[in-house]
Amino acid sequence: MNIEAAANALLNAEQERTTIAPFTSSTDISAEDAYRIQLLTIERKIQQGATLKGMKIGLTSKAMQDMLNVYTPDYGHILDDMVYEENEPIEVDKFIQPKVEFEIAFVLNQDLKGPNVTEDDVLQATEYVVPAIEIIDSRIEDWKIKFEDTVADNGSSAGAVLGKKKTLLKGIDLAAVEMKAFKNGEQFDSATGAAVLGNPVKAVVWLANELANYNISLRKGDFVLAGALSKAVPFEEGDQFSADFGVLGEVSISFAKAGVKK
């Protein structure tokens, strides 16, 4: 597998707002190759001035695993130009074939480095949690992805919005948190935190220990999107989404036409 050529293809596809054929359709690519491609694309963006703000965990819910026919979690990087404010309508032409997911985000007050991170370690290292929305997108044609394709493509990540309410974890059972999702004011889905590996804390444990394979740690001040509670939903210009996470608060996102700012 030509790691550099694959990274170039993904970067060009993102810049040109186009897609490429799945890597798995034409070449032998291992999970290790895929993560090396992801890390190279992120390294190049950071060299060009981007800064790392957080990480995302993907493929943690049965809904997403069934939708993509992939049954192992993955991760990706969230850079500063991928983070949006709730009151900032997002132009849809920034993306190729995007969708939204609803998640719980952990904001860290200390570093976490595997390989022996436990749930207690995650709880101790979490300053607070917030409701979040992730924008996912694929540079792979028609979302025809296998595990290695989405890993190489930065976990199919494209953006994140964090809610404003900050909740300490003491006394909070994240597995029992109920989420209701709304599109243009109408509820279309619901789930609980248990949809994410049984408890979103377990997802962050998995991530911290998985990153140790590349000598990477989760960093103080960064956030972790712990995984979608339900299926991803496509959007178009003019769409508005919100999610009510009960005790954790609410988060919303809206999409504008190209060049439109409200």
Protein backbone atom coordinates (compact mmCIF):
# COMPACT_ATOMS: atom_id res chain seq x y z
CA MET A 1 0.00 0.00 0.00
CA ASN A 2 1.41 3.40 -1.01
CA ILE A 3 0.67 5.42 2.11
CA GLU A 4 1.76 8.77 0.68
CA ALA A 5 -0.25 8.36 -2.53
CA ALA A 6 -3.35 7.40 -0.55
CA ALA A 7 -2.97 10.42 1.73
CA ASN A 8 -2.57 12.69 -1.29
CA ALA A 9 -5.71 11.26 -2.88
CA LEU A 10 -7.78 11.93 0.26
CA LEU A 11 -6.43 15.44 0.73
CA ASN A 12 -7.11 16.30 -2.91
CA ALA A 13 -10.63 14.85 -2.72
CA GLU A 14 -11.40 16.95 0.34
CA GLN A 15 -10.04 20.11 -1.26
CA GLU A 16 -11.88 19.53 -4.54
CA ARG A 17 -15.13 18.36 -2.84
CA THR A 18 -15.10 15.13 -4.79
CA THR A 19 -14.80 11.44 -4.03
CA ILE A 20 -12.43 8.59 -4.74
CA ALA A 21 -12.97 4.87 -5.11
CA PRO A 22 -12.72 2.81 -1.92
CA PHE A 23 -9.16 1.73 -1.19
CA THR A 24 -10.48 -1.72 -0.37
CA SER A 25 -11.90 -2.11 -3.88
CA SER A 26 -8.55 -2.00 -5.64
CA THR A 27 -5.67 -2.73 -3.27
CA ASP A 28 -4.63 -4.64 -0.21
CA ILE A 29 -4.88 -2.32 2.78
CA SER A 30 -4.53 -3.32 6.41
CA ALA A 31 -5.90 -1.51 9.44
CA GLU A 32 -2.35 -0.44 10.24
CA ASP A 33 -1.96 0.99 6.72
CA ALA A 34 -5.25 2.85 7.15
CA TYR A 35 -4.21 4.48 10.42
CA ARG A 36 -0.85 5.44 8.93
CA ILE A 37 -2.70 7.16 6.07
CA GLN A 38 -4.93 8.99 8.56
CA LEU A 39 -1.99 10.12 10.69
CA LEU A 40 -0.11 11.34 7.62
CA THR A 41 -3.05 13.44 6.41
CA ILE A 42 -3.46 14.99 9.87
CA GLU A 43 0.28 15.62 10.14
CA ARG A 44 0.23 17.49 6.85
CA LYS A 45 -2.72 19.64 7.91
CA ILE A 46 -0.98 20.53 11.16
CA GLN A 47 2.16 21.43 9.22
CA GLN A 48 -0.02 23.82 7.21
CA GLY A 49 -1.21 25.57 10.38
CA ALA A 50 -4.13 23.52 11.72
CA THR A 51 -4.27 22.67 15.42
CA LEU A 52 -5.67 19.58 17.09
CA LYS A 53 -8.76 20.18 19.23
CA GLY A 54 -9.99 16.68 19.91
CA MET A 55 -10.70 13.16 18.79
CA LYS A 56 -13.77 11.30 17.60
CA ILE A 57 -14.70 7.69 18.18
CA GLY A 58 -16.77 6.03 15.52
CA LEU A 59 -18.70 2.83 14.94
CA THR A 60 -19.59 2.39 18.60
CA SER A 61 -23.34 1.92 18.29
CA LYS A 62 -25.14 -1.07 16.83
CA ALA A 63 -27.09 1.33 14.61
CA MET A 64 -23.95 2.68 12.97
CA GLN A 65 -22.28 -0.73 12.81
CA ASP A 66 -25.31 -2.19 11.08
CA MET A 67 -25.60 0.76 8.70
CA LEU A 68 -21.98 0.49 7.55
CA ASN A 69 -21.57 -3.26 8.12
CA VAL A 70 -18.50 -2.58 10.27
CA TYR A 71 -18.19 -4.07 13.74
CA THR A 72 -15.04 -2.56 15.25
CA PRO A 73 -14.75 1.00 16.64
CA ASP A 74 -12.45 3.45 14.94
CA TYR A 75 -11.22 6.97 15.61
CA GLY A 76 -10.34 10.22 13.87
CA HIS A 77 -8.93 13.66 14.64
CA ILE A 78 -10.85 16.93 15.08
CA LEU A 79 -8.91 20.03 13.99
CA ASP A 80 -9.68 23.66 14.78
CA ASP A 81 -11.21 24.40 11.38
CA MET A 82 -13.67 21.54 11.95
CA VAL A 83 -15.20 23.03 15.12
CA TYR A 84 -18.31 25.21 14.74
CA GLU A 85 -20.43 27.29 17.11
CA GLU A 86 -24.10 26.53 17.70
CA ASN A 87 -25.19 29.99 16.51
CA GLU A 88 -23.09 29.78 13.34
CA PRO A 89 -25.08 28.42 10.35
CA ILE A 90 -22.77 26.13 8.40
CA GLU A 91 -22.53 26.30 4.63
CA VAL A 92 -23.46 22.96 3.12
CA ASP A 93 -21.02 23.28 0.24
CA LYS A 94 -18.14 22.76 2.64
CA PHE A 95 -18.93 19.06 2.43
CA ILE A 96 -19.40 16.27 -0.10
CA GLN A 97 -22.01 13.78 1.19
CA PRO A 98 -22.45 14.75 4.83
CA LYS A 99 -24.59 13.52 7.71
CA VAL A 100 -25.04 14.43 11.37
CA GLU A 101 -24.69 12.29 14.49
CA PHE A 102 -25.57 13.03 18.13
CA GLU A 103 -23.00 12.27 20.80
CA ILE A 104 -21.65 12.94 24.28
CA ALA A 105 -18.33 14.79 24.39
CA PHE A 106 -15.77 14.48 27.17
CA VAL A 107 -13.55 17.50 27.90
CA LEU A 108 -10.32 16.47 29.61
CA ASN A 109 -8.52 18.16 32.51
CA GLN A 110 -5.45 15.93 32.27
CA ASP A 111 -3.63 13.75 29.78
CA LEU A 112 -4.70 10.14 29.27
CA LYS A 113 -2.22 7.68 27.83
CA GLY A 114 -2.60 3.94 27.40
CA PRO A 115 -2.15 1.07 27.26
CA ASN A 116 -3.61 0.48 30.72
CA VAL A 117 -6.24 3.23 31.02
CA THR A 118 -9.31 2.23 33.07
CA GLU A 119 -12.81 3.62 33.45
CA ASP A 120 -11.77 5.21 36.74
CA ASP A 121 -8.89 6.92 34.92
CA VAL A 122 -11.31 8.39 32.38
CA LEU A 123 -13.68 9.62 35.08
CA GLN A 124 -10.81 11.26 36.94
CA ALA A 125 -9.43 12.88 33.77
CA THR A 126 -12.79 14.29 32.63
CA GLU A 127 -13.43 17.90 33.59
CA TYR A 128 -17.01 17.80 32.30
CA VAL A 129 -19.19 16.43 29.52
CA VAL A 130 -21.35 18.28 27.01
CA PRO A 131 -23.92 17.25 24.40
CA ALA A 132 -22.45 17.33 20.91
CA ILE A 133 -23.22 16.95 17.23
CA GLU A 134 -20.69 15.52 14.81
CA ILE A 135 -20.76 16.16 11.09
CA ILE A 136 -19.50 13.12 9.27
CA ASP A 137 -18.57 13.08 5.60
CA SER A 138 -16.85 10.64 3.30
CA ARG A 139 -14.28 11.26 0.66
CA ILE A 140 -15.04 7.70 -0.43
CA GLU A 141 -17.54 7.32 -3.28
CA ASP A 142 -21.18 6.77 -2.20
CA TRP A 143 -20.18 5.81 1.36
CA LYS A 144 -19.10 2.42 -0.01
CA ILE A 145 -16.72 1.97 2.87
CA LYS A 146 -15.19 -0.88 4.73
CA PHE A 147 -13.38 -0.46 8.03
CA GLU A 148 -10.04 0.37 6.41
CA ASP A 149 -11.61 3.00 4.14
CA THR A 150 -13.23 4.99 6.93
CA VAL A 151 -10.13 4.74 9.12
CA ALA A 152 -7.90 6.11 6.35
CA ASP A 153 -10.47 8.87 5.78
CA ASN A 154 -10.04 10.24 9.33
CA GLY A 155 -12.95 8.22 10.65
CA SER A 156 -15.19 9.95 8.09
CA SER A 157 -15.14 13.04 10.28
CA ALA A 158 -15.82 16.57 9.05
CA GLY A 159 -16.97 18.76 11.94
CA ALA A 160 -18.24 19.12 15.48
CA VAL A 161 -20.52 21.38 17.51
CA LEU A 162 -20.36 21.30 21.31
CA GLY A 163 -23.29 22.28 23.51
CA LYS A 164 -22.93 25.00 26.11
CA LYS A 165 -24.03 23.17 29.28
CA LYS A 166 -21.08 21.67 31.17
CA THR A 167 -21.95 18.74 33.41
CA LEU A 168 -19.66 17.14 35.98
CA LEU A 169 -19.72 13.36 35.93
CA LYS A 170 -20.17 12.91 39.67
CA GLY A 171 -23.54 11.26 40.21
CA ILE A 172 -24.28 11.00 36.47
CA ASP A 173 -24.98 7.62 34.86
CA LEU A 174 -24.10 8.27 31.24
CA ALA A 175 -25.48 4.92 30.13
CA ALA A 176 -28.93 6.00 31.34
CA VAL A 177 -28.89 9.47 29.76
CA GLU A 178 -31.76 9.78 27.29
CA MET A 179 -31.33 11.61 24.00
CA LYS A 180 -34.13 12.86 21.74
CA ALA A 181 -33.18 14.10 18.28
CA PHE A 182 -35.16 16.64 16.23
CA LYS A 183 -35.02 17.68 12.57
CA ASN A 184 -36.69 20.96 11.67
CA GLY A 185 -38.60 20.84 14.94
CA GLU A 186 -39.91 17.27 14.65
CA GLN A 187 -38.54 14.39 16.70
CA PHE A 188 -37.23 11.57 14.55
CA ASP A 189 -35.08 9.48 16.86
CA SER A 190 -34.20 8.67 20.45
CA ALA A 191 -31.58 6.62 22.27
CA THR A 192 -29.69 6.32 25.52
CA GLY A 193 -26.00 6.54 26.34
CA ALA A 194 -25.94 2.75 26.62
CA ALA A 195 -26.00 2.63 22.81
CA VAL A 196 -22.30 3.56 22.90
CA LEU A 197 -20.51 0.33 23.88
CA GLY A 198 -22.83 0.03 26.86
CA ASN A 199 -21.48 3.29 28.33
CA PRO A 200 -19.64 6.18 26.61
CA VAL A 201 -16.93 5.98 29.28
CA LYS A 202 -15.96 2.59 27.86
CA ALA A 203 -15.47 4.19 24.44
CA VAL A 204 -12.99 6.73 25.83
CA VAL A 205 -11.13 3.90 27.60
CA TRP A 206 -10.93 2.07 24.27
CA LEU A 207 -9.63 5.16 22.51
CA ALA A 208 -6.93 5.98 25.05
CA ASN A 209 -5.61 2.44 24.93
CA GLU A 210 -5.84 2.17 21.14
CA LEU A 211 -3.89 5.40 20.64
CA ALA A 212 -1.06 3.92 22.68
CA ASN A 213 -0.27 1.74 19.65
CA TYR A 214 1.03 4.92 18.00
CA ASN A 215 2.48 6.47 21.17
CA ILE A 216 -0.29 9.10 21.17
CA SER A 217 -2.05 10.36 24.28
CA LEU A 218 -5.31 12.18 24.80
CA ARG A 219 -4.37 15.69 25.88
CA LYS A 220 -5.51 17.97 28.65
CA GLY A 221 -7.92 20.58 27.26
CA ASP A 222 -8.95 18.50 24.26
CA PHE A 223 -12.36 16.89 23.81
CA VAL A 224 -13.43 13.41 22.80
CA LEU A 225 -16.61 12.71 20.85
CA ALA A 226 -17.47 9.35 22.36
CA GLY A 227 -19.60 7.93 19.56
CA ALA A 228 -23.04 8.26 18.00
CA LEU A 229 -26.09 7.22 20.00
CA SER A 230 -28.11 6.53 16.84
CA LYS A 231 -27.91 6.41 13.07
CA ALA A 232 -26.39 9.24 11.06
CA VAL A 233 -28.84 11.49 9.18
CA PRO A 234 -28.18 13.30 5.88
CA PHE A 235 -28.89 17.03 5.68
CA GLU A 236 -29.48 19.74 3.10
CA GLU A 237 -29.31 23.52 3.13
CA GLY A 238 -31.91 25.03 5.42
CA ASP A 239 -32.10 22.01 7.72
CA GLN A 240 -31.93 22.51 11.47
CA PHE A 241 -31.20 19.78 14.00
CA SER A 242 -31.25 19.71 17.78
CA ALA A 243 -30.80 17.06 20.42
CA ASP A 244 -32.09 17.06 23.99
CA PHE A 245 -29.83 15.01 26.28
CA GLY A 246 -31.95 15.53 29.39
CA VAL A 247 -29.75 16.30 32.39
CA LEU A 248 -26.80 17.04 30.04
CA GLY A 249 -28.67 19.80 28.20
CA GLU A 250 -29.26 20.50 24.54
CA VAL A 251 -27.22 21.13 21.40
CA SER A 252 -28.28 22.44 17.99
CA ILE A 253 -26.93 22.93 14.48
CA SER A 254 -28.20 24.60 11.31
CA PHE A 255 -27.14 24.60 7.69
CA ALA A 256 -27.20 27.58 5.34
CA LYS A 257 -26.88 28.12 1.63
CA ALA A 258 -23.42 28.84 0.28
CA GLY A 259 -22.33 32.33 1.25
CA VAL A 260 -25.27 32.87 3.61
CA LYS A 261 -24.56 33.98 7.16
CA LYS A 262 -27.33 34.71 9.66
